[in-house]
Amino acid sequence: MLLALAAAGPATGQQTPAPGSLTVGQAIQRALKNYPSIRVSQEQINAAAAGIRLARTAYLPHADALAQVNRGTRNNVFGLLLPQSAIPSISGPVLGTNNFGTTWGTALGVLVTWEPFDFGLRRANLDVASALEAESAAALKRTEYEIAVATADACLTLAAAQETVRAAQAGVDRAGVLLRTIAAQVNAQLRPGADASRAEAELAAARTQWIQAQQATDVARATLSQFVGIPPDQITLDVSAWHQLPPEQDVPALDPAKNPVALEQNAAVEETLARLRALERSYFPRFYLQGSAYARGSGAENNGKILGGLNGLAPNTQNYALGFTVTFPVSDLPSIRARQAAQTATVRAQQARSEQIATDLRAQWNRAVAMLNGARRIAANTPTQVAAARTATQQATARYEAGLGTITEVAEAQRLLTQSEIDDALARLAVWRGLLGVAAAAGDIQPFVAEAGR
């Protein structure tokens, strides 16, 4: 767990968490709830689910209804008219007349079309829509995984900055005590004024280091605020568990296929394969069962007489029909083959990308394990470094007070102690960061969160 540290001295042992603090698990939960990219992925899933429902509508009959009223001339001629959409068609016999008398005409009709079988094309298109939904769901998991890792890393960065502030504050306190002591001795003419100047310079340098550490803390808090949606000045993190080293345990073997990045890529491969299967079923005949019922009305008779008035505004002739239509896209074969070749290349590219992701994940995991092992060795050594630096500081101070040493020796010893305390605190956090790196490469940071929450 992660909590802000209020003490100025170096971390030693388990401390009581501050009330109202935010644990790393809570920070991740807030990030998964509030970060905008999560909502983007969720809406992409909703869109993909709607695409599945759209693909399923292809199994339903298709019905078209028409109602029309017109008034126009009735001149008709024999002859061929190629398919087009500019010239209206006129039904009825050729009257041998050419005049501009107009009459009313009406039409009502319904056409129902159903495709009883399609050689698997509709099923293939439905599989494409399902694959898109699966890919969107995998993208959501990958986004959640990346946001969780980034949030945990931001928590670690903030904790490291806070630990540096605490150690730097301890250095400021030591430099302040030294300056006050020497100033009193200088005023009593027991020490030269140069010693006071050197102590004052050391205090200023310690304060600069503290200010730099505080600046890094503010930046880290602002970064974490981006994920958790809390104003930076209101963020308090529980880092009490990170004051201790995590227990050593064997690192589990890596299975790249379980990483959300790899799972998303596998879903992308399946989506491209589904599109290829749909293309393979495109060059087949299409069979349609059709039924139509319609009625026409006209204010003109076959002999050319115009009835006048409102005649023709109501349909007075009815028809119905049942039929079976077969269409075949004969000339589409070259374009379909070209699209299949392009889609096949896309499939191979996605498969190659899957192999690359697996290779990258293995390399990332190997680096993380190496970093973790190195961090553990460093963390085992830094307590010795701190103890030796503290002893050296005590000895340098005693020598200076006895008149056997110089202010330079004391200042260097204090700087070494401050740096050693910073190194010791960061070494423990480096072990936790190594655990996070291993968990992130494995694709599941829940073991890290559980360990950090103990």
Protein backbone atom coordinates (compact mmCIF):
# COMPACT_ATOMS: atom_id res chain seq x y z
CA MET A 1 0.00 0.00 0.00
CA LEU A 2 1.01 3.59 -0.63
CA LEU A 3 0.68 6.54 1.95
CA ALA A 4 2.19 10.03 2.19
CA LEU A 5 4.92 10.34 4.75
CA ALA A 6 4.80 13.16 7.24
CA ALA A 7 8.02 12.47 9.15
CA ALA A 8 11.16 14.34 8.16
CA GLY A 9 13.57 11.53 8.99
CA PRO A 10 14.40 8.42 6.98
CA ALA A 11 11.93 5.53 6.83
CA THR A 12 12.57 2.83 9.40
CA GLY A 13 10.04 0.07 9.92
CA GLN A 14 6.28 -0.10 9.46
CA GLN A 15 4.41 3.16 10.04
CA THR A 16 0.77 3.86 10.69
CA PRO A 17 -1.09 4.94 7.52
CA ALA A 18 -2.46 8.45 7.49
CA PRO A 19 -6.26 8.63 7.72
CA GLY A 20 -8.01 9.22 4.41
CA SER A 21 -4.98 8.13 2.40
CA LEU A 22 -5.19 6.41 -0.97
CA THR A 23 -3.78 2.91 -1.45
CA VAL A 24 -2.31 1.76 -4.74
CA GLY A 25 -5.30 -0.51 -5.28
CA GLN A 26 -7.71 2.35 -4.71
CA ALA A 27 -5.71 4.56 -7.04
CA ILE A 28 -5.96 1.93 -9.78
CA GLN A 29 -9.69 1.54 -9.23
CA ARG A 30 -10.22 5.29 -9.52
CA ALA A 31 -8.12 5.40 -12.68
CA LEU A 32 -10.09 2.56 -14.27
CA LYS A 33 -13.31 4.36 -13.41
CA ASN A 34 -12.39 7.91 -14.36
CA TYR A 35 -9.74 7.83 -17.09
CA PRO A 36 -11.31 8.88 -20.44
CA SER A 37 -9.61 6.21 -22.58
CA ILE A 38 -11.48 3.53 -20.62
CA ARG A 39 -14.81 5.04 -21.59
CA VAL A 40 -13.65 5.28 -25.20
CA SER A 41 -12.96 1.54 -25.26
CA GLN A 42 -16.28 0.77 -23.59
CA GLU A 43 -18.19 2.72 -26.23
CA GLN A 44 -16.25 0.89 -28.94
CA ILE A 45 -17.56 -2.36 -27.48
CA ASN A 46 -21.11 -0.97 -27.56
CA ALA A 47 -20.65 -0.02 -31.20
CA ALA A 48 -19.32 -3.48 -32.03
CA ALA A 49 -22.29 -5.12 -30.27
CA ALA A 50 -24.62 -2.98 -32.37
CA GLY A 51 -22.72 -4.20 -35.43
CA ILE A 52 -23.55 -7.79 -34.48
CA ARG A 53 -27.24 -6.94 -34.27
CA LEU A 54 -26.98 -5.25 -37.66
CA ALA A 55 -25.35 -8.33 -39.21
CA ARG A 56 -28.16 -10.55 -37.84
CA THR A 57 -30.78 -8.47 -39.61
CA ALA A 58 -29.51 -9.92 -42.91
CA TYR A 59 -31.38 -13.15 -42.02
CA LEU A 60 -34.72 -11.31 -41.92
CA PRO A 61 -37.00 -10.77 -44.94
CA HIS A 62 -36.71 -7.38 -46.58
CA ALA A 63 -39.94 -5.48 -47.27
CA ASP A 64 -40.39 -2.36 -49.38
CA ALA A 65 -43.64 -0.39 -49.53
CA LEU A 66 -44.58 2.19 -52.15
CA ALA A 67 -47.35 4.73 -52.53
CA GLN A 68 -47.44 7.17 -55.43
CA VAL A 69 -49.76 9.77 -56.95
CA ASN A 70 -48.94 11.43 -60.26
CA ARG A 71 -50.47 13.38 -63.06
CA GLY A 72 -48.94 13.31 -66.50
CA THR A 73 -49.30 12.57 -70.17
CA ARG A 74 -49.92 9.01 -71.43
CA ASN A 75 -48.04 8.91 -74.77
CA ASN A 76 -46.25 5.60 -75.22
CA VAL A 77 -43.98 4.23 -77.97
CA PHE A 78 -42.41 0.95 -78.94
CA GLY A 79 -38.65 0.69 -78.65
CA LEU A 80 -35.72 -0.23 -76.45
CA LEU A 81 -34.73 1.83 -73.45
CA LEU A 82 -31.55 0.80 -71.66
CA PRO A 83 -31.60 0.66 -67.83
CA GLN A 84 -31.35 4.17 -66.42
CA SER A 85 -32.84 6.44 -63.76
CA ALA A 86 -33.65 9.63 -65.69
CA ILE A 87 -36.66 8.81 -67.92
CA PRO A 88 -39.88 7.65 -66.19
CA SER A 89 -41.44 4.46 -67.58
CA ILE A 90 -44.99 4.36 -68.99
CA SER A 91 -47.04 1.17 -69.00
CA GLY A 92 -49.86 0.38 -71.40
CA PRO A 93 -50.37 0.00 -75.16
CA VAL A 94 -49.08 2.36 -77.82
CA LEU A 95 -52.00 4.63 -78.78
CA GLY A 96 -50.48 6.19 -81.85
CA THR A 97 -51.19 9.65 -80.51
CA ASN A 98 -48.96 12.43 -79.30
CA ASN A 99 -50.73 15.06 -77.23
CA PHE A 100 -50.29 16.79 -73.91
CA GLY A 101 -53.52 15.82 -72.20
CA THR A 102 -52.87 14.71 -68.65
CA THR A 103 -54.61 12.34 -66.27
CA TRP A 104 -54.29 11.12 -62.72
CA GLY A 105 -52.40 7.94 -61.84
CA THR A 106 -51.83 6.10 -58.55
CA ALA A 107 -49.86 3.10 -57.38
CA LEU A 108 -49.64 1.14 -54.13
CA GLY A 109 -47.45 -1.89 -53.55
CA VAL A 110 -45.41 -4.04 -51.19
CA LEU A 111 -42.41 -6.20 -52.15
CA VAL A 112 -41.05 -8.77 -49.70
CA THR A 113 -37.65 -10.34 -50.43
CA TRP A 114 -36.03 -13.16 -48.47
CA GLU A 115 -32.79 -14.99 -49.07
CA PRO A 116 -33.36 -18.60 -47.94
CA PHE A 117 -29.69 -19.65 -48.25
CA ASP A 118 -26.45 -17.87 -49.09
CA PHE A 119 -23.59 -20.42 -48.91
CA GLY A 120 -22.53 -19.08 -45.50
CA LEU A 121 -22.07 -15.42 -46.48
CA ARG A 122 -24.37 -14.00 -43.83
CA ARG A 123 -22.83 -16.27 -41.19
CA ALA A 124 -19.38 -15.08 -42.25
CA ASN A 125 -20.43 -11.44 -41.99
CA LEU A 126 -21.87 -12.15 -38.55
CA ASP A 127 -18.55 -13.74 -37.57
CA VAL A 128 -16.79 -10.55 -38.69
CA ALA A 129 -19.04 -8.48 -36.45
CA SER A 130 -18.47 -10.88 -33.54
CA ALA A 131 -14.71 -10.72 -34.11
CA LEU A 132 -14.88 -6.93 -34.03
CA GLU A 133 -16.70 -7.08 -30.70
CA ALA A 134 -14.10 -9.52 -29.33
CA GLU A 135 -11.32 -7.23 -30.54
CA SER A 136 -12.98 -4.23 -28.87
CA ALA A 137 -13.32 -6.18 -25.62
CA ALA A 138 -9.65 -7.17 -25.82
CA ALA A 139 -8.75 -3.54 -26.48
CA LEU A 140 -10.64 -2.54 -23.33
CA LYS A 141 -8.73 -5.13 -21.30
CA ARG A 142 -5.46 -3.91 -22.75
CA THR A 143 -6.36 -0.30 -22.00
CA GLU A 144 -7.32 -1.16 -18.42
CA TYR A 145 -4.06 -3.07 -18.03
CA GLU A 146 -1.97 -0.17 -19.35
CA ILE A 147 -3.80 2.37 -17.19
CA ALA A 148 -3.38 0.16 -14.12
CA VAL A 149 0.36 -0.24 -14.77
CA ALA A 150 0.79 3.48 -15.41
CA THR A 151 -1.12 4.35 -12.23
CA ALA A 152 0.93 1.95 -10.12
CA ASP A 153 4.12 3.32 -11.65
CA ALA A 154 2.97 6.88 -10.90
CA CYS A 155 2.36 5.84 -7.28
CA LEU A 156 5.88 4.41 -7.07
CA THR A 157 7.33 7.58 -8.58
CA LEU A 158 5.49 9.73 -6.06
CA ALA A 159 6.59 7.48 -3.21
CA ALA A 160 10.22 7.72 -4.35
CA ALA A 161 9.97 11.51 -4.54
CA GLN A 162 8.45 11.69 -1.06
CA GLU A 163 11.19 9.46 0.35
CA THR A 164 13.78 11.75 -1.21
CA VAL A 165 12.09 14.76 0.39
CA ARG A 166 12.18 13.09 3.79
CA ALA A 167 15.85 12.20 3.51
CA ALA A 168 16.69 15.68 2.17
CA GLN A 169 14.79 17.25 5.08
CA ALA A 170 16.87 15.20 7.50
CA GLY A 171 19.97 16.56 5.77
CA VAL A 172 18.67 20.12 6.14
CA ASP A 173 18.06 19.51 9.84
CA ARG A 174 21.57 18.18 10.37
CA ALA A 175 23.11 21.08 8.45
CA GLY A 176 21.03 23.53 10.50
CA VAL A 177 22.18 22.01 13.80
CA LEU A 178 25.77 22.15 12.62
CA LEU A 179 25.46 25.81 11.58
CA ARG A 180 23.91 26.86 14.90
CA THR A 181 26.60 25.04 16.84
CA ILE A 182 29.45 26.55 14.85
CA ALA A 183 27.87 30.01 14.88
CA ALA A 184 27.78 29.91 18.67
CA GLN A 185 31.43 28.87 18.78
CA VAL A 186 32.40 31.58 16.26
CA ASN A 187 30.60 34.18 18.35
CA ALA A 188 32.57 32.92 21.35
CA GLN A 189 35.73 33.22 19.21
CA LEU A 190 36.36 29.49 19.58
CA ARG A 191 36.17 28.83 15.83
CA PRO A 192 37.19 30.86 12.81
CA GLY A 193 34.50 32.68 10.82
CA ALA A 194 35.35 30.59 7.76
CA ASP A 195 33.84 27.54 9.47
CA ALA A 196 30.53 29.36 9.90
CA SER A 197 30.58 30.40 6.25
CA ARG A 198 31.22 26.81 5.17
CA ALA A 199 28.42 25.53 7.41
CA GLU A 200 26.06 28.15 6.00
CA ALA A 201 26.96 27.08 2.46
CA GLU A 202 26.29 23.45 3.36
CA LEU A 203 22.89 24.39 4.76
CA ALA A 204 22.02 26.28 1.57
CA ALA A 205 23.09 23.29 -0.54
CA ALA A 206 20.96 20.95 1.60
CA ARG A 207 17.99 23.26 1.19
CA THR A 208 18.50 23.30 -2.58
CA GLN A 209 18.47 19.51 -2.62
CA TRP A 210 15.27 19.52 -0.54
CA ILE A 211 13.62 22.03 -2.90
CA GLN A 212 14.54 19.91 -5.91
CA ALA A 213 13.09 16.84 -4.21
CA GLN A 214 9.91 18.76 -3.38
CA GLN A 215 9.66 19.86 -6.99
CA ALA A 216 9.91 16.24 -8.14
CA THR A 217 7.19 15.34 -5.62
CA ASP A 218 4.85 18.00 -6.98
CA VAL A 219 5.42 16.80 -10.54
CA ALA A 220 4.83 13.17 -9.54
CA ARG A 221 1.65 14.13 -7.68
CA ALA A 222 0.39 16.00 -10.75
CA THR A 223 1.07 12.94 -12.90
CA LEU A 224 -0.88 10.71 -10.53
CA SER A 225 -3.70 13.27 -10.47
CA GLN A 226 -4.06 12.77 -14.23
CA PHE A 227 -5.06 9.16 -13.62
CA VAL A 228 -7.07 9.22 -10.40
CA GLY A 229 -8.99 12.43 -11.08
CA ILE A 230 -8.15 14.04 -7.73
CA PRO A 231 -6.60 17.52 -7.50
CA PRO A 232 -2.85 17.20 -6.84
CA ASP A 233 -3.00 19.11 -3.54
CA GLN A 234 -5.59 16.62 -2.24
CA ILE A 235 -3.64 13.45 -3.02
CA THR A 236 -2.23 11.54 -0.06
CA LEU A 237 -0.74 8.12 -0.72
CA ASP A 238 -0.28 5.20 1.65
CA VAL A 239 3.30 3.93 1.23
CA SER A 240 3.53 2.22 4.62
CA ALA A 241 3.92 -1.26 3.12
CA TRP A 242 6.73 -0.09 0.87
CA HIS A 243 8.93 0.79 3.85
CA GLN A 244 9.68 -2.94 4.05
CA LEU A 245 11.13 -5.18 1.39
CA PRO A 246 8.68 -7.65 -0.17
CA PRO A 247 9.36 -11.30 0.67
CA GLU A 248 11.59 -13.10 -1.77
CA GLN A 249 9.80 -15.64 -3.93
CA ASP A 250 10.36 -17.46 -7.17
CA VAL A 251 9.38 -15.52 -10.26
CA PRO A 252 6.74 -17.53 -12.17
CA ALA A 253 7.40 -18.51 -15.76
CA LEU A 254 6.22 -16.15 -18.47
CA ASP A 255 3.30 -16.98 -20.75
CA PRO A 256 3.20 -14.19 -23.36
CA ALA A 257 -0.17 -15.38 -24.66
CA LYS A 258 -1.85 -14.26 -21.41
CA ASN A 259 -0.69 -10.65 -21.68
CA PRO A 260 -3.56 -8.28 -22.61
CA VAL A 261 -1.44 -6.81 -25.40
CA ALA A 262 -1.01 -10.27 -26.93
CA LEU A 263 -4.68 -11.09 -26.39
CA GLU A 264 -5.71 -7.94 -28.24
CA GLN A 265 -3.40 -8.81 -31.11
CA ASN A 266 -4.79 -12.35 -31.28
CA ALA A 267 -8.27 -10.85 -31.52
CA ALA A 268 -7.03 -8.64 -34.37
CA VAL A 269 -5.74 -11.75 -36.17
CA GLU A 270 -9.10 -13.47 -35.74
CA GLU A 271 -10.88 -10.39 -37.09
CA THR A 272 -8.75 -10.36 -40.25
CA LEU A 273 -9.31 -14.10 -40.72
CA ALA A 274 -13.07 -13.58 -40.37
CA ARG A 275 -12.98 -10.92 -43.08
CA LEU A 276 -11.03 -13.28 -45.34
CA ARG A 277 -13.63 -16.04 -44.84
CA ALA A 278 -16.39 -13.56 -45.72
CA LEU A 279 -14.58 -12.67 -48.94
CA GLU A 280 -14.20 -16.35 -49.80
CA ARG A 281 -18.00 -16.67 -49.71
CA SER A 282 -18.69 -13.60 -51.83
CA TYR A 283 -18.42 -15.21 -55.29
CA PHE A 284 -21.56 -17.34 -55.16
CA PRO A 285 -25.04 -16.99 -56.67
CA ARG A 286 -27.57 -15.10 -54.57
CA PHE A 287 -31.06 -16.63 -54.32
CA TYR A 288 -34.07 -14.50 -53.42
CA LEU A 289 -37.64 -15.59 -52.76
CA GLN A 290 -39.90 -12.65 -53.58
CA GLY A 291 -43.56 -11.81 -53.13
CA SER A 292 -45.35 -8.67 -54.27
CA ALA A 293 -48.85 -7.24 -54.02
CA TYR A 294 -49.73 -4.00 -55.76
CA ALA A 295 -52.55 -1.94 -57.22
CA ARG A 296 -52.67 0.71 -59.92
CA GLY A 297 -55.16 3.40 -60.82
CA SER A 298 -55.34 5.52 -64.00
CA GLY A 299 -57.63 8.17 -65.40
CA ALA A 300 -56.95 7.05 -68.99
CA GLU A 301 -58.51 4.16 -70.97
CA ASN A 302 -56.91 1.94 -73.60
CA ASN A 303 -58.69 3.76 -76.41
CA GLY A 304 -57.05 7.00 -75.42
CA LYS A 305 -60.05 8.50 -73.68
CA ILE A 306 -59.34 10.60 -70.58
CA LEU A 307 -61.95 10.08 -67.89
CA GLY A 308 -61.28 13.41 -66.21
CA GLY A 309 -62.21 14.56 -62.75
CA LEU A 310 -60.72 12.55 -59.91
CA ASN A 311 -60.60 9.28 -61.86
CA GLY A 312 -57.24 7.57 -61.28
CA LEU A 313 -56.70 8.94 -57.80
CA ALA A 314 -57.75 5.61 -56.28
CA PRO A 315 -56.19 2.25 -57.32
CA ASN A 316 -58.72 0.12 -59.22
CA THR A 317 -56.56 -2.66 -60.65
CA GLN A 318 -54.87 -5.20 -58.38
CA ASN A 319 -52.10 -7.76 -58.92
CA TYR A 320 -49.90 -10.06 -56.90
CA ALA A 321 -46.93 -12.18 -57.73
CA LEU A 322 -44.54 -14.77 -56.25
CA GLY A 323 -41.14 -15.40 -57.72
CA PHE A 324 -37.65 -16.74 -57.26
CA THR A 325 -34.70 -14.64 -58.41
CA VAL A 326 -31.08 -15.70 -58.85
CA THR A 327 -28.26 -13.19 -59.30
CA PHE A 328 -24.61 -13.95 -59.89
CA PRO A 329 -21.79 -11.32 -59.90
CA VAL A 330 -19.97 -12.74 -62.91
CA SER A 331 -17.61 -9.81 -63.43
CA ASP A 332 -16.74 -9.42 -59.72
CA LEU A 333 -14.24 -12.31 -59.67
CA PRO A 334 -11.11 -10.23 -60.44
CA SER A 335 -11.94 -7.63 -57.79
CA ILE A 336 -12.82 -10.29 -55.22
CA ARG A 337 -9.54 -12.11 -55.85
CA ALA A 338 -7.63 -8.84 -55.48
CA ARG A 339 -9.41 -8.12 -52.20
CA GLN A 340 -8.66 -11.66 -51.01
CA ALA A 341 -4.97 -11.20 -51.81
CA ALA A 342 -4.91 -7.92 -49.91
CA GLN A 343 -6.75 -9.45 -46.95
CA THR A 344 -4.42 -12.46 -46.94
CA ALA A 345 -1.45 -10.09 -46.75
CA THR A 346 -3.17 -8.31 -43.85
CA VAL A 347 -3.61 -11.63 -42.06
CA ARG A 348 0.08 -12.46 -42.48
CA ALA A 349 1.04 -8.99 -41.23
CA GLN A 350 -1.13 -9.37 -38.13
CA GLN A 351 0.30 -12.83 -37.45
CA ALA A 352 3.83 -11.45 -37.78
CA ARG A 353 2.90 -8.66 -35.40
CA SER A 354 1.71 -11.28 -32.91
CA GLU A 355 5.09 -12.97 -33.08
CA GLN A 356 6.83 -9.62 -32.60
CA ILE A 357 4.69 -8.83 -29.56
CA ALA A 358 5.53 -12.21 -28.02
CA THR A 359 9.24 -11.55 -28.61
CA ASP A 360 9.01 -8.07 -27.11
CA LEU A 361 7.14 -9.35 -24.07
CA ARG A 362 9.79 -12.00 -23.42
CA ALA A 363 12.50 -9.35 -23.66
CA GLN A 364 10.54 -7.04 -21.36
CA TRP A 365 10.07 -9.84 -18.84
CA ASN A 366 13.77 -10.77 -18.93
CA ARG A 367 14.74 -7.14 -18.33
CA ALA A 368 12.23 -6.87 -15.49
CA VAL A 369 13.57 -10.00 -13.80
CA ALA A 370 17.14 -8.71 -14.14
CA MET A 371 16.10 -5.35 -12.68
CA LEU A 372 14.32 -7.07 -9.78
CA ASN A 373 17.29 -9.29 -8.95
CA GLY A 374 19.68 -6.34 -9.10
CA ALA A 375 17.37 -4.19 -6.97
CA ARG A 376 17.22 -6.88 -4.29
CA ARG A 377 21.02 -7.06 -4.11
CA ILE A 378 21.29 -3.28 -3.89
CA ALA A 379 18.59 -3.11 -1.20
CA ALA A 380 20.51 -5.69 0.83
CA ASN A 381 23.63 -3.52 0.68
CA THR A 382 22.25 -0.02 1.35
CA PRO A 383 21.58 -0.56 5.12
CA THR A 384 25.31 -1.22 5.53
CA GLN A 385 26.00 1.95 3.56
CA VAL A 386 23.68 3.99 5.80
CA ALA A 387 25.16 2.57 9.01
CA ALA A 388 28.70 3.28 7.87
CA ALA A 389 27.79 6.82 6.77
CA ARG A 390 26.09 7.50 10.10
CA THR A 391 29.13 6.25 11.99
CA ALA A 392 31.40 8.35 9.80
CA THR A 393 29.31 11.42 10.52
CA GLN A 394 29.46 10.82 14.25
CA GLN A 395 33.21 10.32 14.15
CA ALA A 396 33.81 13.38 11.96
CA THR A 397 31.69 15.48 14.29
CA ALA A 398 33.55 14.18 17.36
CA ARG A 399 36.92 14.87 15.75
CA TYR A 400 35.84 18.37 14.83
CA GLU A 401 34.60 19.10 18.35
CA ALA A 402 37.90 17.81 19.74
CA GLY A 403 39.82 20.05 17.37
CA LEU A 404 41.27 17.12 15.44
CA GLY A 405 39.18 17.50 12.29
CA THR A 406 37.95 20.16 9.92
CA ILE A 407 34.54 21.47 8.99
CA THR A 408 35.09 20.03 5.52
CA GLU A 409 35.23 16.50 6.93
CA VAL A 410 31.98 17.04 8.82
CA ALA A 411 30.22 18.53 5.79
CA GLU A 412 31.31 15.68 3.51
CA ALA A 413 30.24 13.10 6.07
CA GLN A 414 26.80 14.70 6.40
CA ARG A 415 26.34 14.85 2.63
CA LEU A 416 27.33 11.18 2.39
CA LEU A 417 24.80 10.29 5.10
CA THR A 418 22.00 12.16 3.35
CA GLN A 419 22.78 10.49 0.05
CA SER A 420 23.00 7.09 1.73
CA GLU A 421 19.58 7.55 3.34
CA ILE A 422 18.14 8.54 -0.06
CA ASP A 423 19.78 5.52 -1.71
CA ASP A 424 18.43 3.20 0.98
CA ALA A 425 14.86 4.45 0.63
CA LEU A 426 14.98 4.33 -3.17
CA ALA A 427 16.54 0.87 -3.11
CA ARG A 428 13.51 -0.56 -1.30
CA LEU A 429 11.18 1.15 -3.76
CA ALA A 430 13.29 -0.17 -6.64
CA VAL A 431 12.50 -3.70 -5.49
CA TRP A 432 8.78 -2.88 -5.54
CA ARG A 433 9.22 -1.30 -8.96
CA GLY A 434 10.96 -4.48 -10.11
CA LEU A 435 7.99 -6.54 -8.91
CA LEU A 436 5.68 -4.23 -10.83
CA GLY A 437 7.83 -4.63 -13.95
CA VAL A 438 7.68 -8.42 -13.75
CA ALA A 439 3.92 -8.37 -13.16
CA ALA A 440 3.40 -5.91 -16.01
CA ALA A 441 5.39 -8.08 -18.42
CA ALA A 442 3.34 -11.08 -17.34
CA GLY A 443 0.15 -9.09 -18.04
CA ASP A 444 -1.36 -9.26 -14.54
CA ILE A 445 -0.44 -6.79 -11.80
CA GLN A 446 -2.93 -8.15 -9.28
CA PRO A 447 -0.18 -10.12 -7.45
CA PHE A 448 1.76 -6.86 -7.10
CA VAL A 449 -1.31 -4.98 -5.83
CA ALA A 450 -2.09 -7.77 -3.35
CA GLU A 451 1.51 -7.78 -2.08
CA ALA A 452 1.54 -3.98 -1.79
CA GLY A 453 -1.71 -4.07 0.16
CA ARG A 454 -0.47 -6.31 2.94
